[in-house]
Amino acid sequence: MSPVCPCCPDQKGNDPAIPLTTGVVRLAPAQDLWRTVRNKPVKLRMETSGLGSEPPMTIHQMFLATVQKYGDYPALRGKKDGTWVTLTYKEYYQHARAAAKSFLKVQMNFKCFKNIFLQCTLSEKKS
């Protein structure tokens, strides 16, 4: 595994500018178990014991926990210009953060992101 990001050869894989910490999740108050609007809170069904009793976790927190546990292990592999390229979980996290910051900077909405994702996925399948 290379310490240098394969997409950005000038950048080291262990960039200290991206902290590997996140805050506590606070749930928004909600009364209903379901909604027809995507940006409204829903009440979570929490159990007193077992798997349903674990505290809720965001996708970012789950990704971050994986990075902390398996940071130097391969996360993604694919061919680029005929050679195999490997991204570790740390590098994958850094790329995801950079993409998210870019989307925020251009104020990209969900519909636009979905269209870009679908185009990238379709172009990957063609090649």
Protein backbone atom coordinates (compact mmCIF):
# COMPACT_ATOMS: atom_id res chain seq x y z
CA MET A 1 0.00 0.00 0.00
CA SER A 2 1.38 3.33 -1.02
CA PRO A 3 1.43 6.28 1.42
CA VAL A 4 0.81 8.60 -1.53
CA CYS A 5 -2.68 9.08 -2.89
CA PRO A 6 -2.83 7.62 -6.44
CA CYS A 7 -5.07 10.44 -7.69
CA CYS A 8 -3.00 13.26 -6.15
CA PRO A 9 0.70 12.27 -6.25
CA ASP A 10 1.75 15.54 -4.59
CA GLN A 11 -0.36 14.85 -1.49
CA LYS A 12 0.59 12.41 1.26
CA GLY A 13 -2.04 9.94 2.42
CA ASN A 14 -1.87 11.06 6.07
CA ASP A 15 -3.04 14.68 5.82
CA PRO A 16 -3.18 16.20 9.34
CA ALA A 17 -5.62 18.88 8.12
CA ILE A 18 -8.51 16.40 8.28
CA PRO A 19 -9.28 15.48 11.90
CA LEU A 20 -10.42 11.94 12.65
CA THR A 21 -12.94 12.98 15.30
CA THR A 22 -16.62 13.74 15.29
CA GLY A 23 -19.16 15.08 17.75
CA VAL A 24 -22.03 13.41 19.57
CA VAL A 25 -25.22 12.85 17.61
CA ARG A 26 -28.25 14.68 19.02
CA LEU A 27 -31.59 13.57 17.67
CA ALA A 28 -34.14 16.17 16.67
CA PRO A 29 -37.38 15.94 18.67
CA ALA A 30 -39.98 13.95 16.73
CA GLN A 31 -43.41 12.51 17.41
CA ASP A 32 -44.05 10.40 14.30
CA LEU A 33 -42.40 7.12 13.27
CA TRP A 34 -42.56 8.05 9.57
CA ARG A 35 -42.75 11.13 7.31
CA THR A 36 -43.43 11.78 3.66
CA VAL A 37 -40.98 14.70 3.63
CA ARG A 38 -37.27 13.84 3.64
CA ASN A 39 -36.01 16.75 5.75
CA LYS A 40 -38.32 16.23 8.77
CA PRO A 41 -37.26 14.22 11.85
CA VAL A 42 -38.72 10.81 12.66
CA LYS A 43 -38.94 9.04 15.99
CA LEU A 44 -36.58 6.07 16.27
CA ARG A 45 -37.77 2.78 17.71
CA MET A 46 -35.34 2.14 20.55
CA GLU A 47 -35.31 -1.10 22.57
CA THR A 48 -34.22 -1.51 26.19
CA SER A 49 -31.76 -4.31 25.35
CA GLY A 50 -30.15 -5.99 22.35
CA LEU A 51 -29.23 -4.45 18.99
CA GLY A 52 -32.10 -1.99 19.10
CA SER A 53 -30.72 -0.42 22.28
CA GLU A 54 -27.44 0.78 20.75
CA PRO A 55 -27.18 4.56 20.29
CA PRO A 56 -27.95 5.83 16.78
CA MET A 57 -25.03 6.46 14.45
CA THR A 58 -24.75 8.65 11.37
CA ILE A 59 -23.21 7.39 8.13
CA HIS A 60 -20.28 9.75 8.75
CA GLN A 61 -19.71 8.30 12.22
CA MET A 62 -19.82 4.76 10.84
CA PHE A 63 -17.35 5.67 8.08
CA LEU A 64 -15.10 7.37 10.63
CA ALA A 65 -15.16 4.35 12.95
CA THR A 66 -14.13 2.17 10.00
CA VAL A 67 -11.29 4.58 9.14
CA GLN A 68 -10.04 4.52 12.73
CA LYS A 69 -10.18 0.72 12.87
CA TYR A 70 -8.94 -0.18 9.37
CA GLY A 71 -7.21 3.05 8.24
CA ASP A 72 -4.23 1.51 6.43
CA TYR A 73 -6.13 -1.43 4.93
CA PRO A 74 -7.36 -1.36 1.30
CA ALA A 75 -10.84 0.13 0.89
CA LEU A 76 -11.17 0.42 -2.88
CA ARG A 77 -9.33 -1.13 -5.79
CA GLY A 78 -9.76 -0.44 -9.45
CA LYS A 79 -7.94 -0.11 -12.74
CA LYS A 80 -6.78 3.31 -13.88
CA ASP A 81 -5.00 3.51 -17.24
CA GLY A 82 -4.48 -0.25 -17.19
CA THR A 83 -2.84 -0.46 -13.76
CA TRP A 84 -4.46 -1.42 -10.48
CA VAL A 85 -4.86 1.43 -8.01
CA THR A 86 -5.58 0.92 -4.30
CA LEU A 87 -7.05 3.44 -1.89
CA THR A 88 -6.77 2.83 1.85
CA TYR A 89 -9.65 3.76 4.14
CA LYS A 90 -7.75 6.90 5.24
CA GLU A 91 -7.24 8.00 1.63
CA TYR A 92 -10.86 7.15 0.76
CA TYR A 93 -12.04 9.27 3.72
CA GLN A 94 -9.88 12.20 2.60
CA HIS A 95 -11.27 12.02 -0.93
CA ALA A 96 -14.84 11.82 0.39
CA ARG A 97 -14.23 14.86 2.63
CA ALA A 98 -12.71 16.83 -0.24
CA ALA A 99 -15.68 15.98 -2.49
CA ALA A 100 -18.18 16.92 0.23
CA LYS A 101 -16.45 20.26 0.83
CA SER A 102 -16.48 20.95 -2.90
CA PHE A 103 -20.20 20.18 -3.11
CA LEU A 104 -20.87 22.52 -0.19
CA LYS A 105 -18.76 25.24 -1.76
CA VAL A 106 -20.79 25.22 -4.98
CA GLN A 107 -24.03 24.76 -2.96
CA MET A 108 -24.90 21.56 -4.75
CA ASN A 109 -28.31 20.16 -3.87
CA PHE A 110 -29.24 16.49 -3.53
CA LYS A 111 -30.89 16.22 -6.97
CA CYS A 112 -27.75 17.53 -8.69
CA PHE A 113 -25.53 15.16 -6.69
CA LYS A 114 -27.76 12.21 -7.57
CA ASN A 115 -27.47 13.02 -11.28
CA ILE A 116 -23.67 13.28 -11.08
CA PHE A 117 -23.47 9.98 -9.17
CA LEU A 118 -25.64 8.21 -11.74
CA GLN A 119 -23.56 9.57 -14.63
CA CYS A 120 -20.32 8.42 -12.99
CA THR A 121 -21.78 4.99 -12.26
CA LEU A 122 -23.04 4.55 -15.81
CA SER A 123 -19.72 5.66 -17.34
CA GLU A 124 -17.85 3.19 -15.09
CA LYS A 125 -20.04 0.31 -16.30
CA LYS A 126 -19.46 1.18 -19.99
CA SER A 127 -15.67 1.03 -19.71
